[in-house]
Amino acid sequence: MTNNLNIAEWIIVGILSFTLFVFLVLGIILLVKLIKLTKQAKKVVETSQSIADKVDDVADNIKDMTSIGGIARGYFAEYIGKKFFHRKKRRRDDDE
């Protein structure tokens, strides 16, 4: 038995094979672009995590510097020291 395809069948096979080839090439290109995109996204995430850590450290430093609790504690320690213990001045570390 011989395989005799007529013209219409050859055209259909040609169109389907060309379409499959195009989708295969486009899929490979898309996969390569997606891999590059995930690498760039990983860099962005690492950079943003580093920035978030630095911002958190800065926020902690600012919170420590502007803490009203520390100011109030120092003020009341001076006030209580003067009123109850009759201290004139608090000793400082600079005297050493």
N, C-alpha and C. Protein backbone atom coordinates (compact mmCIF):
# COMPACT_ATOMS: atom_id res chain seq x y z
N MET A 1 0.83 -1.16 0.00
CA MET A 1 0.00 0.00 0.00
C MET A 1 0.89 1.24 0.00
N THR A 2 0.65 2.10 -0.88
CA THR A 2 1.43 3.32 -0.97
C THR A 2 0.66 4.46 -0.32
N ASN A 3 1.44 5.40 0.17
CA ASN A 3 0.85 6.55 0.85
C ASN A 3 0.74 7.70 -0.14
N ASN A 4 -0.42 7.82 -0.69
CA ASN A 4 -0.66 8.88 -1.67
C ASN A 4 -1.51 9.97 -1.03
N LEU A 5 -0.83 11.11 -0.68
CA LEU A 5 -1.55 12.26 -0.14
C LEU A 5 -1.85 13.21 -1.28
N ASN A 6 -3.04 13.70 -1.29
CA ASN A 6 -3.35 14.68 -2.32
C ASN A 6 -2.92 16.07 -1.85
N ILE A 7 -3.11 17.05 -2.67
CA ILE A 7 -2.60 18.40 -2.44
C ILE A 7 -3.21 19.02 -1.18
N ALA A 8 -4.47 18.85 -0.93
CA ALA A 8 -5.12 19.47 0.23
C ALA A 8 -4.55 18.92 1.54
N GLU A 9 -4.28 17.64 1.55
CA GLU A 9 -3.70 17.05 2.76
C GLU A 9 -2.29 17.56 2.99
N TRP A 10 -1.50 17.74 1.94
CA TRP A 10 -0.14 18.30 2.08
C TRP A 10 -0.20 19.74 2.61
N ILE A 11 -1.15 20.50 2.14
CA ILE A 11 -1.29 21.88 2.61
C ILE A 11 -1.64 21.91 4.09
N ILE A 12 -2.57 21.06 4.51
CA ILE A 12 -2.96 21.01 5.92
C ILE A 12 -1.78 20.57 6.79
N VAL A 13 -1.06 19.55 6.38
CA VAL A 13 0.11 19.09 7.14
C VAL A 13 1.17 20.17 7.21
N GLY A 14 1.40 20.88 6.12
CA GLY A 14 2.38 21.97 6.10
C GLY A 14 1.98 23.10 7.04
N ILE A 15 0.71 23.50 7.01
CA ILE A 15 0.23 24.58 7.89
C ILE A 15 0.34 24.16 9.35
N LEU A 16 -0.05 22.94 9.67
CA LEU A 16 0.02 22.48 11.06
C LEU A 16 1.46 22.36 11.54
N SER A 17 2.36 21.89 10.70
CA SER A 17 3.76 21.77 11.13
C SER A 17 4.39 23.15 11.30
N PHE A 18 4.06 24.10 10.42
CA PHE A 18 4.58 25.45 10.56
C PHE A 18 4.04 26.10 11.84
N THR A 19 2.77 25.93 12.13
CA THR A 19 2.17 26.48 13.34
C THR A 19 2.83 25.88 14.59
N LEU A 20 3.05 24.58 14.59
CA LEU A 20 3.71 23.92 15.70
C LEU A 20 5.13 24.46 15.88
N PHE A 21 5.84 24.66 14.77
CA PHE A 21 7.20 25.20 14.82
C PHE A 21 7.21 26.61 15.42
N VAL A 22 6.26 27.45 14.98
CA VAL A 22 6.19 28.83 15.49
C VAL A 22 5.90 28.82 16.99
N PHE A 23 4.94 28.03 17.44
CA PHE A 23 4.63 27.97 18.87
C PHE A 23 5.80 27.41 19.68
N LEU A 24 6.53 26.48 19.12
CA LEU A 24 7.70 25.93 19.80
C LEU A 24 8.77 27.01 19.97
N VAL A 25 9.06 27.76 18.93
CA VAL A 25 10.06 28.83 19.01
C VAL A 25 9.60 29.92 19.98
N LEU A 26 8.34 30.33 19.88
CA LEU A 26 7.82 31.34 20.79
C LEU A 26 7.83 30.86 22.24
N GLY A 27 7.57 29.60 22.47
CA GLY A 27 7.61 29.05 23.82
C GLY A 27 9.01 29.07 24.40
N ILE A 28 10.00 28.74 23.58
CA ILE A 28 11.39 28.77 24.04
C ILE A 28 11.81 30.20 24.36
N ILE A 29 11.45 31.13 23.49
CA ILE A 29 11.78 32.55 23.73
C ILE A 29 11.10 33.03 25.01
N LEU A 30 9.84 32.70 25.18
CA LEU A 30 9.11 33.10 26.38
C LEU A 30 9.72 32.50 27.63
N LEU A 31 10.14 31.27 27.58
CA LEU A 31 10.76 30.61 28.72
C LEU A 31 12.07 31.30 29.10
N VAL A 32 12.89 31.65 28.12
CA VAL A 32 14.15 32.34 28.39
C VAL A 32 13.88 33.71 29.01
N LYS A 33 12.92 34.46 28.47
CA LYS A 33 12.57 35.77 29.03
C LYS A 33 12.04 35.64 30.45
N LEU A 34 11.26 34.61 30.71
CA LEU A 34 10.71 34.39 32.04
C LEU A 34 11.81 34.07 33.04
N ILE A 35 12.80 33.31 32.64
CA ILE A 35 13.93 33.00 33.53
C ILE A 35 14.70 34.27 33.85
N LYS A 36 14.95 35.12 32.83
CA LYS A 36 15.64 36.39 33.07
C LYS A 36 14.82 37.28 34.00
N LEU A 37 13.50 37.30 33.81
CA LEU A 37 12.63 38.12 34.64
C LEU A 37 12.65 37.66 36.10
N THR A 38 12.66 36.36 36.33
CA THR A 38 12.71 35.87 37.70
C THR A 38 14.04 36.20 38.36
N LYS A 39 15.13 36.18 37.60
CA LYS A 39 16.43 36.58 38.17
C LYS A 39 16.42 38.05 38.56
N GLN A 40 15.85 38.90 37.70
CA GLN A 40 15.77 40.32 38.03
C GLN A 40 14.84 40.55 39.21
N ALA A 41 13.75 39.82 39.28
CA ALA A 41 12.83 39.96 40.41
C ALA A 41 13.50 39.55 41.71
N LYS A 42 14.33 38.52 41.65
CA LYS A 42 15.07 38.09 42.84
C LYS A 42 16.01 39.19 43.30
N LYS A 43 16.71 39.86 42.36
CA LYS A 43 17.59 40.97 42.71
C LYS A 43 16.80 42.11 43.34
N VAL A 44 15.63 42.41 42.79
CA VAL A 44 14.80 43.49 43.32
C VAL A 44 14.34 43.16 44.73
N VAL A 45 13.94 41.92 44.95
CA VAL A 45 13.49 41.51 46.28
C VAL A 45 14.63 41.59 47.28
N GLU A 46 15.82 41.14 46.90
CA GLU A 46 16.97 41.21 47.81
C GLU A 46 17.32 42.66 48.13
N THR A 47 17.30 43.53 47.11
CA THR A 47 17.61 44.94 47.32
C THR A 47 16.56 45.59 48.21
N SER A 48 15.30 45.30 47.96
CA SER A 48 14.24 45.90 48.78
C SER A 48 14.29 45.38 50.21
N GLN A 49 14.68 44.14 50.40
CA GLN A 49 14.83 43.60 51.75
C GLN A 49 15.96 44.30 52.48
N SER A 50 17.06 44.54 51.78
CA SER A 50 18.18 45.26 52.37
C SER A 50 17.77 46.68 52.75
N ILE A 51 17.05 47.35 51.86
CA ILE A 51 16.58 48.71 52.14
C ILE A 51 15.62 48.71 53.32
N ALA A 52 14.72 47.73 53.39
CA ALA A 52 13.77 47.65 54.50
C ALA A 52 14.50 47.44 55.82
N ASP A 53 15.55 46.63 55.82
CA ASP A 53 16.33 46.43 57.04
C ASP A 53 17.01 47.72 57.48
N LYS A 54 17.56 48.46 56.51
CA LYS A 54 18.23 49.72 56.84
C LYS A 54 17.22 50.74 57.36
N VAL A 55 16.05 50.80 56.74
CA VAL A 55 15.01 51.73 57.20
C VAL A 55 14.56 51.36 58.60
N ASP A 56 14.46 50.08 58.88
CA ASP A 56 14.07 49.63 60.21
C ASP A 56 15.11 50.05 61.24
N ASP A 57 16.39 49.92 60.90
CA ASP A 57 17.46 50.35 61.80
C ASP A 57 17.42 51.86 62.03
N VAL A 58 17.20 52.61 60.97
CA VAL A 58 17.10 54.07 61.10
C VAL A 58 15.91 54.44 61.97
N ALA A 59 14.79 53.77 61.77
CA ALA A 59 13.60 54.05 62.58
C ALA A 59 13.87 53.75 64.05
N ASP A 60 14.57 52.66 64.34
CA ASP A 60 14.91 52.35 65.73
C ASP A 60 15.82 53.41 66.32
N ASN A 61 16.80 53.88 65.53
CA ASN A 61 17.70 54.92 66.02
C ASN A 61 16.94 56.21 66.30
N ILE A 62 16.06 56.58 65.41
CA ILE A 62 15.28 57.81 65.60
C ILE A 62 14.35 57.66 66.81
N LYS A 63 13.77 56.48 66.95
CA LYS A 63 12.88 56.24 68.09
C LYS A 63 13.66 56.35 69.40
N ASP A 64 14.89 55.84 69.41
CA ASP A 64 15.70 55.94 70.62
C ASP A 64 16.10 57.38 70.91
N MET A 65 16.38 58.16 69.87
CA MET A 65 16.81 59.54 70.07
C MET A 65 15.64 60.44 70.48
N THR A 66 14.47 60.17 69.97
CA THR A 66 13.33 61.05 70.24
C THR A 66 12.37 60.44 71.24
N SER A 67 12.81 59.45 71.96
CA SER A 67 11.93 58.78 72.90
C SER A 67 11.59 59.71 74.05
N ILE A 68 10.34 59.95 74.24
CA ILE A 68 9.89 60.82 75.33
C ILE A 68 10.09 60.12 76.66
N GLY A 69 10.10 58.80 76.64
CA GLY A 69 10.32 58.05 77.88
C GLY A 69 11.70 58.31 78.45
N GLY A 70 12.72 58.33 77.61
CA GLY A 70 14.08 58.60 78.08
C GLY A 70 14.22 60.01 78.62
N ILE A 71 13.59 60.97 77.95
CA ILE A 71 13.64 62.37 78.41
C ILE A 71 12.92 62.50 79.74
N ALA A 72 11.74 61.90 79.83
CA ALA A 72 10.98 61.99 81.07
C ALA A 72 11.71 61.28 82.20
N ARG A 73 12.30 60.16 81.94
CA ARG A 73 13.04 59.42 82.96
C ARG A 73 14.21 60.24 83.48
N GLY A 74 14.94 60.87 82.57
CA GLY A 74 16.05 61.71 82.99
C GLY A 74 15.59 62.91 83.79
N TYR A 75 14.51 63.53 83.37
CA TYR A 75 13.99 64.70 84.08
C TYR A 75 13.52 64.31 85.48
N PHE A 76 12.76 63.23 85.58
CA PHE A 76 12.25 62.84 86.90
C PHE A 76 13.37 62.31 87.79
N ALA A 77 14.39 61.70 87.23
CA ALA A 77 15.52 61.27 88.05
C ALA A 77 16.21 62.49 88.65
N GLU A 78 16.39 63.55 87.86
CA GLU A 78 16.96 64.79 88.37
C GLU A 78 16.05 65.41 89.43
N TYR A 79 14.76 65.46 89.14
CA TYR A 79 13.79 66.08 90.05
C TYR A 79 13.72 65.32 91.38
N ILE A 80 13.60 64.00 91.28
CA ILE A 80 13.52 63.18 92.49
C ILE A 80 14.83 63.26 93.25
N GLY A 81 15.96 63.25 92.53
CA GLY A 81 17.26 63.35 93.19
C GLY A 81 17.40 64.65 93.95
N LYS A 82 16.93 65.75 93.40
CA LYS A 82 17.01 67.05 94.07
C LYS A 82 16.06 67.12 95.26
N LYS A 83 14.85 66.66 95.10
CA LYS A 83 13.83 66.80 96.15
C LYS A 83 14.06 65.85 97.33
N PHE A 84 14.33 64.59 97.02
CA PHE A 84 14.36 63.61 98.09
C PHE A 84 15.77 63.30 98.60
N PHE A 85 16.75 63.39 97.76
CA PHE A 85 18.10 63.03 98.18
C PHE A 85 19.01 64.24 98.27
N HIS A 86 18.49 65.41 97.99
CA HIS A 86 19.21 66.68 98.07
C HIS A 86 20.51 66.66 97.26
N ARG A 87 20.45 66.07 96.11
CA ARG A 87 21.61 66.05 95.22
C ARG A 87 21.63 67.34 94.42
N LYS A 88 22.82 67.87 94.24
CA LYS A 88 22.95 69.11 93.49
C LYS A 88 23.00 68.82 91.98
N LYS A 89 23.87 67.88 91.62
CA LYS A 89 24.06 67.54 90.21
C LYS A 89 24.21 66.04 90.07
N ARG A 90 23.85 65.59 88.92
CA ARG A 90 24.06 64.18 88.63
C ARG A 90 25.49 63.99 88.15
N ARG A 91 26.12 62.90 88.53
CA ARG A 91 27.47 62.61 88.07
C ARG A 91 27.42 62.23 86.61
N ARG A 92 28.36 62.70 85.89
CA ARG A 92 28.41 62.39 84.46
C ARG A 92 29.62 61.53 84.17
N ASP A 93 29.54 60.86 83.01
CA ASP A 93 30.65 60.01 82.60
C ASP A 93 31.83 60.83 82.10
N ASP A 94 31.63 62.12 81.85
CA ASP A 94 32.69 62.97 81.34
C ASP A 94 33.75 63.25 82.39
N ASP A 95 33.40 63.11 83.69
CA ASP A 95 34.33 63.41 84.77
C ASP A 95 35.48 62.42 84.83
N GLU A 96 35.30 61.24 84.28
CA GLU A 96 36.32 60.20 84.39
C GLU A 96 37.54 60.49 83.59
